[in-house]
Amino acid sequence: MVSVNIYEAKSQLSRLVAAVEARGERVVLCRNGIPIADIVPHQKDTASTLQPDPELCGAEFLLDPCAPLPNEDWPEVLR
């Protein structure tokens, strides 16, 4: 991990990004010695690897799931 002040990072950005790219190094950007941001290697989005649940295949929503429930549909203790 490398810590660099913003002022220095402006002139060394290409070198810092090359270190992240080549060695997977983490760069911490600081302002007045206080960490404010990280430059880290990009990670592939894991959400795209999710698969639908086969038990829910073909399920249909008959009502608006965001619509408020009528009072009679709530349990007595929550009314």
N, C-alpha and C. Protein backbone atom coordinates (compact mmCIF):
# COMPACT_ATOMS: atom_id res chain seq x y z
N MET A 1 0.85 -1.18 0.00
CA MET A 1 0.00 0.00 0.00
C MET A 1 0.90 1.24 0.00
N VAL A 2 0.54 2.18 -0.83
CA VAL A 2 1.28 3.43 -0.96
C VAL A 2 0.34 4.57 -0.59
N SER A 3 0.80 5.49 0.24
CA SER A 3 0.01 6.69 0.58
C SER A 3 0.65 7.90 -0.09
N VAL A 4 -0.19 8.68 -0.77
CA VAL A 4 0.29 9.84 -1.51
C VAL A 4 -0.66 10.99 -1.28
N ASN A 5 -0.10 12.18 -1.04
CA ASN A 5 -0.95 13.37 -0.93
C ASN A 5 -1.46 13.77 -2.31
N ILE A 6 -2.62 14.37 -2.34
CA ILE A 6 -3.27 14.76 -3.60
C ILE A 6 -2.33 15.60 -4.46
N TYR A 7 -1.63 16.52 -3.86
CA TYR A 7 -0.73 17.40 -4.60
C TYR A 7 0.31 16.59 -5.37
N GLU A 8 0.90 15.58 -4.71
CA GLU A 8 1.89 14.72 -5.36
C GLU A 8 1.23 13.83 -6.41
N ALA A 9 0.04 13.34 -6.13
CA ALA A 9 -0.65 12.42 -7.03
C ALA A 9 -0.96 13.07 -8.37
N LYS A 10 -1.19 14.38 -8.37
CA LYS A 10 -1.48 15.07 -9.62
C LYS A 10 -0.36 14.88 -10.64
N SER A 11 0.87 14.97 -10.17
CA SER A 11 1.99 14.87 -11.09
C SER A 11 2.45 13.43 -11.30
N GLN A 12 1.98 12.49 -10.47
CA GLN A 12 2.43 11.10 -10.56
C GLN A 12 1.30 10.13 -10.90
N LEU A 13 0.18 10.64 -11.37
CA LEU A 13 -0.99 9.78 -11.57
C LEU A 13 -0.70 8.61 -12.50
N SER A 14 -0.02 8.84 -13.61
CA SER A 14 0.28 7.76 -14.55
C SER A 14 1.12 6.67 -13.88
N ARG A 15 2.11 7.06 -13.09
CA ARG A 15 2.96 6.09 -12.40
C ARG A 15 2.16 5.32 -11.35
N LEU A 16 1.29 6.01 -10.63
CA LEU A 16 0.48 5.36 -9.61
C LEU A 16 -0.49 4.35 -10.21
N VAL A 17 -1.14 4.74 -11.31
CA VAL A 17 -2.07 3.83 -11.98
C VAL A 17 -1.32 2.64 -12.56
N ALA A 18 -0.12 2.85 -13.06
CA ALA A 18 0.68 1.74 -13.59
C ALA A 18 1.02 0.75 -12.47
N ALA A 19 1.30 1.24 -11.27
CA ALA A 19 1.60 0.35 -10.13
C ALA A 19 0.37 -0.46 -9.75
N VAL A 20 -0.78 0.17 -9.78
CA VAL A 20 -2.03 -0.54 -9.48
C VAL A 20 -2.27 -1.61 -10.55
N GLU A 21 -2.08 -1.25 -11.79
CA GLU A 21 -2.34 -2.16 -12.91
C GLU A 21 -1.36 -3.33 -12.93
N ALA A 22 -0.08 -3.05 -12.77
CA ALA A 22 0.94 -4.08 -12.92
C ALA A 22 1.04 -5.01 -11.71
N ARG A 23 0.98 -4.45 -10.51
CA ARG A 23 1.22 -5.25 -9.31
C ARG A 23 0.00 -5.40 -8.41
N GLY A 24 -1.12 -4.83 -8.83
CA GLY A 24 -2.31 -4.91 -8.00
C GLY A 24 -2.18 -4.12 -6.71
N GLU A 25 -1.28 -3.16 -6.72
CA GLU A 25 -0.99 -2.36 -5.53
C GLU A 25 -2.14 -1.42 -5.22
N ARG A 26 -2.35 -1.14 -3.95
CA ARG A 26 -3.38 -0.20 -3.52
C ARG A 26 -2.71 1.14 -3.24
N VAL A 27 -3.30 2.22 -3.76
CA VAL A 27 -2.77 3.56 -3.54
C VAL A 27 -3.81 4.35 -2.75
N VAL A 28 -3.40 4.91 -1.63
CA VAL A 28 -4.29 5.71 -0.79
C VAL A 28 -3.99 7.18 -1.04
N LEU A 29 -5.01 7.92 -1.47
CA LEU A 29 -4.86 9.36 -1.68
C LEU A 29 -5.21 10.09 -0.39
N CYS A 30 -4.35 11.01 0.01
CA CYS A 30 -4.53 11.73 1.27
C CYS A 30 -4.60 13.23 1.03
N ARG A 31 -5.32 13.90 1.92
CA ARG A 31 -5.33 15.36 1.94
C ARG A 31 -4.87 15.76 3.34
N ASN A 32 -3.77 16.49 3.40
CA ASN A 32 -3.16 16.88 4.68
C ASN A 32 -2.90 15.67 5.57
N GLY A 33 -2.47 14.57 4.94
CA GLY A 33 -2.12 13.36 5.68
C GLY A 33 -3.30 12.50 6.09
N ILE A 34 -4.52 12.90 5.73
CA ILE A 34 -5.72 12.15 6.10
C ILE A 34 -6.22 11.40 4.86
N PRO A 35 -6.35 10.06 4.93
CA PRO A 35 -6.82 9.29 3.77
C PRO A 35 -8.22 9.71 3.34
N ILE A 36 -8.39 9.91 2.03
CA ILE A 36 -9.71 10.31 1.52
C ILE A 36 -10.22 9.42 0.40
N ALA A 37 -9.32 8.70 -0.29
CA ALA A 37 -9.75 7.85 -1.41
C ALA A 37 -8.70 6.79 -1.68
N ASP A 38 -9.12 5.72 -2.33
CA ASP A 38 -8.21 4.64 -2.71
C ASP A 38 -8.25 4.46 -4.22
N ILE A 39 -7.11 4.11 -4.78
CA ILE A 39 -7.03 3.65 -6.16
C ILE A 39 -6.72 2.17 -6.04
N VAL A 40 -7.64 1.34 -6.51
CA VAL A 40 -7.50 -0.11 -6.39
C VAL A 40 -7.74 -0.75 -7.75
N PRO A 41 -7.27 -1.99 -7.95
CA PRO A 41 -7.53 -2.66 -9.22
C PRO A 41 -9.03 -2.85 -9.43
N HIS A 42 -9.44 -2.76 -10.67
CA HIS A 42 -10.85 -2.94 -11.02
C HIS A 42 -11.23 -4.40 -10.83
N GLN A 43 -12.43 -4.64 -10.28
CA GLN A 43 -12.93 -6.00 -10.13
C GLN A 43 -14.18 -6.17 -10.98
N LYS A 44 -14.27 -7.30 -11.63
CA LYS A 44 -15.43 -7.59 -12.47
C LYS A 44 -16.69 -7.58 -11.63
N ASP A 45 -17.76 -7.07 -12.18
CA ASP A 45 -19.04 -6.99 -11.49
C ASP A 45 -19.55 -8.40 -11.22
N THR A 46 -19.77 -8.74 -9.93
CA THR A 46 -20.23 -10.08 -9.59
C THR A 46 -21.73 -10.24 -9.77
N ALA A 47 -22.47 -9.15 -9.89
CA ALA A 47 -23.92 -9.23 -10.04
C ALA A 47 -24.29 -9.92 -11.34
N SER A 48 -23.45 -9.83 -12.35
CA SER A 48 -23.77 -10.44 -13.64
C SER A 48 -23.67 -11.96 -13.60
N THR A 49 -23.08 -12.54 -12.55
CA THR A 49 -22.94 -13.99 -12.46
C THR A 49 -24.08 -14.63 -11.69
N LEU A 50 -25.03 -13.85 -11.21
CA LEU A 50 -26.15 -14.41 -10.47
C LEU A 50 -27.10 -15.13 -11.43
N GLN A 51 -27.65 -16.24 -10.95
CA GLN A 51 -28.59 -17.03 -11.75
C GLN A 51 -29.96 -16.98 -11.08
N PRO A 52 -31.05 -16.96 -11.85
CA PRO A 52 -32.37 -16.96 -11.25
C PRO A 52 -32.65 -18.28 -10.52
N ASP A 53 -33.45 -18.20 -9.48
CA ASP A 53 -33.84 -19.38 -8.72
C ASP A 53 -34.80 -20.21 -9.57
N PRO A 54 -34.48 -21.48 -9.84
CA PRO A 54 -35.36 -22.28 -10.71
C PRO A 54 -36.74 -22.50 -10.11
N GLU A 55 -36.87 -22.45 -8.77
CA GLU A 55 -38.19 -22.63 -8.16
C GLU A 55 -39.10 -21.43 -8.40
N LEU A 56 -38.51 -20.28 -8.68
CA LEU A 56 -39.30 -19.08 -8.91
C LEU A 56 -39.55 -18.82 -10.40
N CYS A 57 -39.03 -19.70 -11.24
CA CYS A 57 -39.19 -19.52 -12.68
C CYS A 57 -40.68 -19.54 -13.03
N GLY A 58 -41.13 -18.57 -13.75
CA GLY A 58 -42.52 -18.48 -14.15
C GLY A 58 -43.41 -17.79 -13.13
N ALA A 59 -42.85 -17.33 -12.01
CA ALA A 59 -43.67 -16.64 -11.01
C ALA A 59 -44.16 -15.31 -11.58
N GLU A 60 -45.37 -14.94 -11.22
CA GLU A 60 -45.95 -13.67 -11.66
C GLU A 60 -46.40 -12.87 -10.46
N PHE A 61 -46.19 -11.57 -10.51
CA PHE A 61 -46.69 -10.67 -9.48
C PHE A 61 -48.09 -10.22 -9.91
N LEU A 62 -49.07 -10.52 -9.10
CA LEU A 62 -50.44 -10.16 -9.45
C LEU A 62 -50.80 -8.77 -8.96
N LEU A 63 -50.10 -8.29 -7.94
CA LEU A 63 -50.36 -6.97 -7.37
C LEU A 63 -49.09 -6.14 -7.42
N ASP A 64 -49.23 -4.87 -7.17
CA ASP A 64 -48.07 -3.99 -7.10
C ASP A 64 -47.35 -4.25 -5.78
N PRO A 65 -46.09 -4.74 -5.81
CA PRO A 65 -45.39 -5.05 -4.57
C PRO A 65 -45.06 -3.81 -3.74
N CYS A 66 -45.19 -2.63 -4.32
CA CYS A 66 -44.90 -1.39 -3.58
C CYS A 66 -46.16 -0.73 -3.02
N ALA A 67 -47.30 -1.26 -3.38
CA ALA A 67 -48.56 -0.67 -2.90
C ALA A 67 -48.74 -0.98 -1.41
N PRO A 68 -49.27 -0.03 -0.65
CA PRO A 68 -49.48 -0.29 0.78
C PRO A 68 -50.54 -1.36 0.99
N LEU A 69 -50.37 -2.15 2.05
CA LEU A 69 -51.34 -3.19 2.38
C LEU A 69 -52.52 -2.60 3.12
N PRO A 70 -53.72 -3.11 2.88
CA PRO A 70 -54.86 -2.66 3.68
C PRO A 70 -54.70 -3.12 5.13
N ASN A 71 -55.33 -2.42 6.05
CA ASN A 71 -55.19 -2.72 7.48
C ASN A 71 -55.53 -4.17 7.81
N GLU A 72 -56.52 -4.76 7.15
CA GLU A 72 -56.91 -6.13 7.49
C GLU A 72 -55.84 -7.16 7.10
N ASP A 73 -54.91 -6.80 6.23
CA ASP A 73 -53.84 -7.73 5.85
C ASP A 73 -52.66 -7.70 6.83
N TRP A 74 -52.61 -6.71 7.72
CA TRP A 74 -51.54 -6.62 8.71
C TRP A 74 -51.90 -7.47 9.91
N PRO A 75 -50.90 -8.10 10.55
CA PRO A 75 -51.19 -8.79 11.81
C PRO A 75 -51.70 -7.81 12.84
N GLU A 76 -52.54 -8.29 13.74
CA GLU A 76 -53.19 -7.45 14.75
C GLU A 76 -52.17 -6.64 15.55
N VAL A 77 -51.03 -7.23 15.91
CA VAL A 77 -50.04 -6.53 16.74
C VAL A 77 -49.35 -5.41 15.99
N LEU A 78 -49.42 -5.37 14.69
CA LEU A 78 -48.74 -4.33 13.89
C LEU A 78 -49.67 -3.24 13.36
N ARG A 79 -50.94 -3.34 13.67
CA ARG A 79 -51.89 -2.34 13.16
C ARG A 79 -51.79 -1.04 13.89
